Amino acid sequence: MRTTQSLSITLPHDMADMVRAKVSSGEYATESEVIRDGLRVLAARDSAVEKWLREEVAATFDAVKADPAGKTESATETWRQLQAHMDSRSTKAASGT
């Protein structure tokens, strides 16, 4: 019994060119290998997001729901901290550090 299935897919020209370039460079032996590797990376990303949602987001939500007066911050304060973080990263990028 076969363990693979043949599919026909349509890609935008830039993606098709990328697949062909990966094969031409010798990084992959076939176009199918490129697509399979991309799907493995997508599955790993999906798994990481699911794990983050279950372990961090849900836990934080449950903690806030259990103790709404606990350590939470306003949207304004959260935005201020985010802006300070982005400003810090911009300064570091501009200075090359």
N, C-alpha and C. Protein backbone atom coordinates (compact mmCIF):
# COMPACT_ATOMS: atom_id res chain seq x y z
N MET A 1 0.83 -1.19 0.00
CA MET A 1 0.00 0.00 0.00
C MET A 1 0.88 1.25 0.00
N ARG A 2 0.51 2.23 -0.81
CA ARG A 2 1.28 3.47 -0.90
C ARG A 2 1.15 4.28 0.37
N THR A 3 2.24 4.93 0.74
CA THR A 3 2.23 5.81 1.90
C THR A 3 2.22 7.28 1.47
N THR A 4 2.13 7.53 0.19
CA THR A 4 2.09 8.89 -0.32
C THR A 4 0.88 9.05 -1.22
N GLN A 5 0.55 10.29 -1.46
CA GLN A 5 -0.57 10.61 -2.35
C GLN A 5 -0.13 11.74 -3.26
N SER A 6 -0.42 11.61 -4.51
CA SER A 6 -0.09 12.63 -5.49
C SER A 6 -1.14 13.73 -5.45
N LEU A 7 -0.68 14.98 -5.41
CA LEU A 7 -1.57 16.13 -5.45
C LEU A 7 -1.11 17.07 -6.56
N SER A 8 -2.04 17.81 -7.09
CA SER A 8 -1.70 18.85 -8.05
C SER A 8 -1.99 20.18 -7.36
N ILE A 9 -0.97 21.04 -7.28
CA ILE A 9 -1.15 22.34 -6.63
C ILE A 9 -0.81 23.46 -7.59
N THR A 10 -1.35 24.62 -7.31
CA THR A 10 -1.05 25.81 -8.10
C THR A 10 -0.41 26.83 -7.17
N LEU A 11 0.73 27.35 -7.59
CA LEU A 11 1.46 28.33 -6.78
C LEU A 11 1.61 29.62 -7.56
N PRO A 12 1.68 30.75 -6.86
CA PRO A 12 2.05 31.99 -7.54
C PRO A 12 3.45 31.84 -8.13
N HIS A 13 3.74 32.62 -9.15
CA HIS A 13 5.03 32.50 -9.84
C HIS A 13 6.22 32.63 -8.89
N ASP A 14 6.16 33.56 -7.95
CA ASP A 14 7.30 33.75 -7.06
C ASP A 14 7.53 32.54 -6.16
N MET A 15 6.46 31.89 -5.72
CA MET A 15 6.62 30.68 -4.89
C MET A 15 7.13 29.51 -5.73
N ALA A 16 6.62 29.37 -6.94
CA ALA A 16 7.09 28.31 -7.83
C ALA A 16 8.57 28.51 -8.14
N ASP A 17 8.98 29.75 -8.36
CA ASP A 17 10.39 30.05 -8.60
C ASP A 17 11.24 29.69 -7.38
N MET A 18 10.71 29.96 -6.18
CA MET A 18 11.44 29.64 -4.96
C MET A 18 11.63 28.12 -4.84
N VAL A 19 10.58 27.37 -5.12
CA VAL A 19 10.67 25.91 -5.05
C VAL A 19 11.73 25.41 -6.04
N ARG A 20 11.67 25.90 -7.27
CA ARG A 20 12.65 25.47 -8.28
C ARG A 20 14.08 25.87 -7.88
N ALA A 21 14.22 27.05 -7.29
CA ALA A 21 15.56 27.52 -6.87
C ALA A 21 16.13 26.63 -5.76
N LYS A 22 15.27 26.18 -4.85
CA LYS A 22 15.73 25.29 -3.78
C LYS A 22 16.25 23.97 -4.36
N VAL A 23 15.57 23.48 -5.37
CA VAL A 23 16.01 22.24 -6.02
C VAL A 23 17.28 22.49 -6.84
N SER A 24 17.29 23.58 -7.60
CA SER A 24 18.46 23.91 -8.44
C SER A 24 19.73 24.10 -7.62
N SER A 25 19.58 24.65 -6.41
CA SER A 25 20.74 24.89 -5.56
C SER A 25 21.28 23.60 -4.94
N GLY A 26 20.50 22.53 -5.03
CA GLY A 26 20.92 21.27 -4.43
C GLY A 26 20.47 21.12 -2.98
N GLU A 27 19.79 22.13 -2.47
CA GLU A 27 19.32 22.07 -1.09
C GLU A 27 18.28 20.95 -0.91
N TYR A 28 17.50 20.72 -1.95
CA TYR A 28 16.49 19.65 -1.97
C TYR A 28 16.65 18.89 -3.27
N ALA A 29 16.27 17.61 -3.24
CA ALA A 29 16.38 16.78 -4.44
C ALA A 29 15.19 16.96 -5.38
N THR A 30 14.02 17.25 -4.83
CA THR A 30 12.82 17.37 -5.65
C THR A 30 11.93 18.49 -5.14
N GLU A 31 11.02 18.92 -6.00
CA GLU A 31 10.04 19.92 -5.61
C GLU A 31 9.17 19.40 -4.46
N SER A 32 8.85 18.12 -4.49
CA SER A 32 8.04 17.52 -3.43
C SER A 32 8.72 17.63 -2.07
N GLU A 33 10.04 17.46 -2.04
CA GLU A 33 10.76 17.59 -0.77
C GLU A 33 10.64 19.00 -0.22
N VAL A 34 10.69 20.00 -1.10
CA VAL A 34 10.56 21.39 -0.66
C VAL A 34 9.19 21.60 -0.02
N ILE A 35 8.15 21.15 -0.68
CA ILE A 35 6.79 21.32 -0.17
C ILE A 35 6.61 20.55 1.13
N ARG A 36 7.12 19.32 1.20
CA ARG A 36 6.99 18.53 2.45
C ARG A 36 7.68 19.23 3.61
N ASP A 37 8.87 19.78 3.36
CA ASP A 37 9.59 20.48 4.43
C ASP A 37 8.82 21.73 4.87
N GLY A 38 8.27 22.45 3.91
CA GLY A 38 7.46 23.62 4.25
C GLY A 38 6.25 23.25 5.09
N LEU A 39 5.62 22.14 4.76
CA LEU A 39 4.46 21.70 5.54
C LEU A 39 4.86 21.23 6.94
N ARG A 40 6.05 20.62 7.07
CA ARG A 40 6.53 20.24 8.40
C ARG A 40 6.76 21.49 9.25
N VAL A 41 7.34 22.52 8.67
CA VAL A 41 7.57 23.77 9.40
C VAL A 41 6.24 24.41 9.80
N LEU A 42 5.27 24.39 8.90
CA LEU A 42 3.94 24.92 9.20
C LEU A 42 3.29 24.15 10.36
N ALA A 43 3.40 22.82 10.34
CA ALA A 43 2.84 22.00 11.41
C ALA A 43 3.53 22.31 12.75
N ALA A 44 4.85 22.49 12.72
CA ALA A 44 5.59 22.82 13.95
C ALA A 44 5.16 24.19 14.49
N ARG A 45 4.97 25.15 13.60
CA ARG A 45 4.52 26.48 14.03
C ARG A 45 3.13 26.40 14.63
N ASP A 46 2.23 25.68 13.97
CA ASP A 46 0.87 25.52 14.49
C ASP A 46 0.89 24.86 15.87
N SER A 47 1.73 23.86 16.03
CA SER A 47 1.85 23.17 17.31
C SER A 47 2.37 24.11 18.39
N ALA A 48 3.36 24.93 18.05
CA ALA A 48 3.92 25.89 19.02
C ALA A 48 2.87 26.91 19.44
N VAL A 49 2.08 27.40 18.49
CA VAL A 49 1.02 28.36 18.81
C VAL A 49 -0.02 27.72 19.71
N GLU A 50 -0.42 26.50 19.39
CA GLU A 50 -1.40 25.79 20.23
C GLU A 50 -0.87 25.60 21.64
N LYS A 51 0.40 25.20 21.76
CA LYS A 51 1.01 25.01 23.08
C LYS A 51 1.02 26.32 23.85
N TRP A 52 1.41 27.42 23.20
CA TRP A 52 1.43 28.74 23.84
C TRP A 52 0.04 29.13 24.31
N LEU A 53 -0.96 28.90 23.46
CA LEU A 53 -2.33 29.24 23.85
C LEU A 53 -2.77 28.44 25.07
N ARG A 54 -2.51 27.14 25.07
CA ARG A 54 -2.92 26.27 26.18
C ARG A 54 -2.16 26.59 27.46
N GLU A 55 -0.84 26.72 27.35
CA GLU A 55 -0.01 26.81 28.55
C GLU A 55 0.14 28.23 29.09
N GLU A 56 0.15 29.23 28.24
CA GLU A 56 0.39 30.59 28.72
C GLU A 56 -0.86 31.46 28.67
N VAL A 57 -1.49 31.52 27.52
CA VAL A 57 -2.64 32.40 27.38
C VAL A 57 -3.80 31.92 28.25
N ALA A 58 -4.13 30.65 28.16
CA ALA A 58 -5.25 30.13 28.96
C ALA A 58 -4.96 30.25 30.44
N ALA A 59 -3.72 29.95 30.85
CA ALA A 59 -3.36 30.06 32.26
C ALA A 59 -3.46 31.50 32.75
N THR A 60 -3.03 32.44 31.95
CA THR A 60 -3.12 33.85 32.32
C THR A 60 -4.58 34.29 32.40
N PHE A 61 -5.37 33.88 31.44
CA PHE A 61 -6.80 34.20 31.46
C PHE A 61 -7.46 33.64 32.72
N ASP A 62 -7.16 32.38 33.03
CA ASP A 62 -7.74 31.76 34.22
C ASP A 62 -7.32 32.49 35.49
N ALA A 63 -6.06 32.91 35.57
CA ALA A 63 -5.57 33.64 36.75
C ALA A 63 -6.27 34.98 36.90
N VAL A 64 -6.44 35.70 35.80
CA VAL A 64 -7.11 37.00 35.86
C VAL A 64 -8.59 36.82 36.20
N LYS A 65 -9.20 35.80 35.63
CA LYS A 65 -10.61 35.53 35.92
C LYS A 65 -10.81 35.17 37.39
N ALA A 66 -9.87 34.41 37.96
CA ALA A 66 -9.96 34.01 39.36
C ALA A 66 -9.71 35.17 40.31
N ASP A 67 -8.87 36.12 39.91
CA ASP A 67 -8.53 37.26 40.77
C ASP A 67 -8.43 38.52 39.92
N PRO A 68 -9.60 39.09 39.55
CA PRO A 68 -9.58 40.27 38.67
C PRO A 68 -8.83 41.46 39.26
N ALA A 69 -8.73 41.53 40.57
CA ALA A 69 -8.02 42.66 41.20
C ALA A 69 -6.53 42.40 41.30
N GLY A 70 -6.10 41.24 40.85
CA GLY A 70 -4.68 40.88 40.92
C GLY A 70 -3.83 41.75 40.01
N LYS A 71 -2.65 41.27 39.68
CA LYS A 71 -1.71 42.06 38.88
C LYS A 71 -2.14 42.09 37.42
N THR A 72 -2.91 43.09 37.09
CA THR A 72 -3.27 43.36 35.70
C THR A 72 -2.95 44.82 35.43
N GLU A 73 -2.82 45.16 34.18
CA GLU A 73 -2.51 46.54 33.82
C GLU A 73 -3.54 47.04 32.83
N SER A 74 -3.72 48.32 32.83
CA SER A 74 -4.67 48.93 31.90
C SER A 74 -4.13 48.85 30.47
N ALA A 75 -5.02 49.00 29.54
CA ALA A 75 -4.60 49.03 28.14
C ALA A 75 -3.63 50.18 27.89
N THR A 76 -3.87 51.30 28.55
CA THR A 76 -2.99 52.47 28.39
C THR A 76 -1.58 52.16 28.86
N GLU A 77 -1.46 51.51 30.02
CA GLU A 77 -0.15 51.16 30.56
C GLU A 77 0.53 50.11 29.69
N THR A 78 -0.23 49.15 29.24
CA THR A 78 0.33 48.12 28.35
C THR A 78 0.85 48.76 27.07
N TRP A 79 0.09 49.68 26.49
CA TRP A 79 0.52 50.37 25.28
C TRP A 79 1.78 51.19 25.54
N ARG A 80 1.87 51.85 26.69
CA ARG A 80 3.05 52.63 27.03
C ARG A 80 4.28 51.73 27.09
N GLN A 81 4.13 50.57 27.72
CA GLN A 81 5.26 49.64 27.82
C GLN A 81 5.65 49.09 26.45
N LEU A 82 4.68 48.79 25.64
CA LEU A 82 4.96 48.30 24.28
C LEU A 82 5.68 49.37 23.47
N GLN A 83 5.22 50.60 23.55
CA GLN A 83 5.85 51.69 22.82
C GLN A 83 7.29 51.90 23.28
N ALA A 84 7.53 51.83 24.60
CA ALA A 84 8.89 51.97 25.13
C ALA A 84 9.78 50.84 24.62
N HIS A 85 9.24 49.63 24.57
CA HIS A 85 10.00 48.49 24.06
C HIS A 85 10.36 48.69 22.58
N MET A 86 9.38 49.12 21.79
CA MET A 86 9.64 49.35 20.35
C MET A 86 10.64 50.47 20.16
N ASP A 87 10.54 51.54 20.95
CA ASP A 87 11.49 52.64 20.86
C ASP A 87 12.90 52.17 21.19
N SER A 88 13.00 51.32 22.22
CA SER A 88 14.30 50.78 22.63
C SER A 88 14.91 49.94 21.51
N ARG A 89 14.08 49.11 20.88
CA ARG A 89 14.58 48.26 19.77
C ARG A 89 15.01 49.12 18.59
N SER A 90 14.24 50.19 18.29
CA SER A 90 14.60 51.08 17.18
C SER A 90 15.93 51.76 17.44
N THR A 91 16.14 52.19 18.69
CA THR A 91 17.40 52.84 19.05
C THR A 91 18.57 51.88 18.91
N LYS A 92 18.38 50.63 19.35
CA LYS A 92 19.44 49.63 19.24
C LYS A 92 19.73 49.31 17.77
N ALA A 93 18.68 49.21 16.97
CA ALA A 93 18.88 48.90 15.55
C ALA A 93 19.62 50.04 14.85
N ALA A 94 19.28 51.27 15.20
CA ALA A 94 19.92 52.43 14.58
C ALA A 94 21.39 52.53 14.97
N SER A 95 21.70 52.11 16.20
CA SER A 95 23.09 52.20 16.65
C SER A 95 23.92 50.97 16.25
N GLY A 96 23.22 49.94 15.72
CA GLY A 96 23.92 48.75 15.27
C GLY A 96 24.28 47.78 16.36
N THR A 97 23.64 47.91 17.51
CA THR A 97 23.90 46.95 18.60
C THR A 97 22.78 45.98 18.76
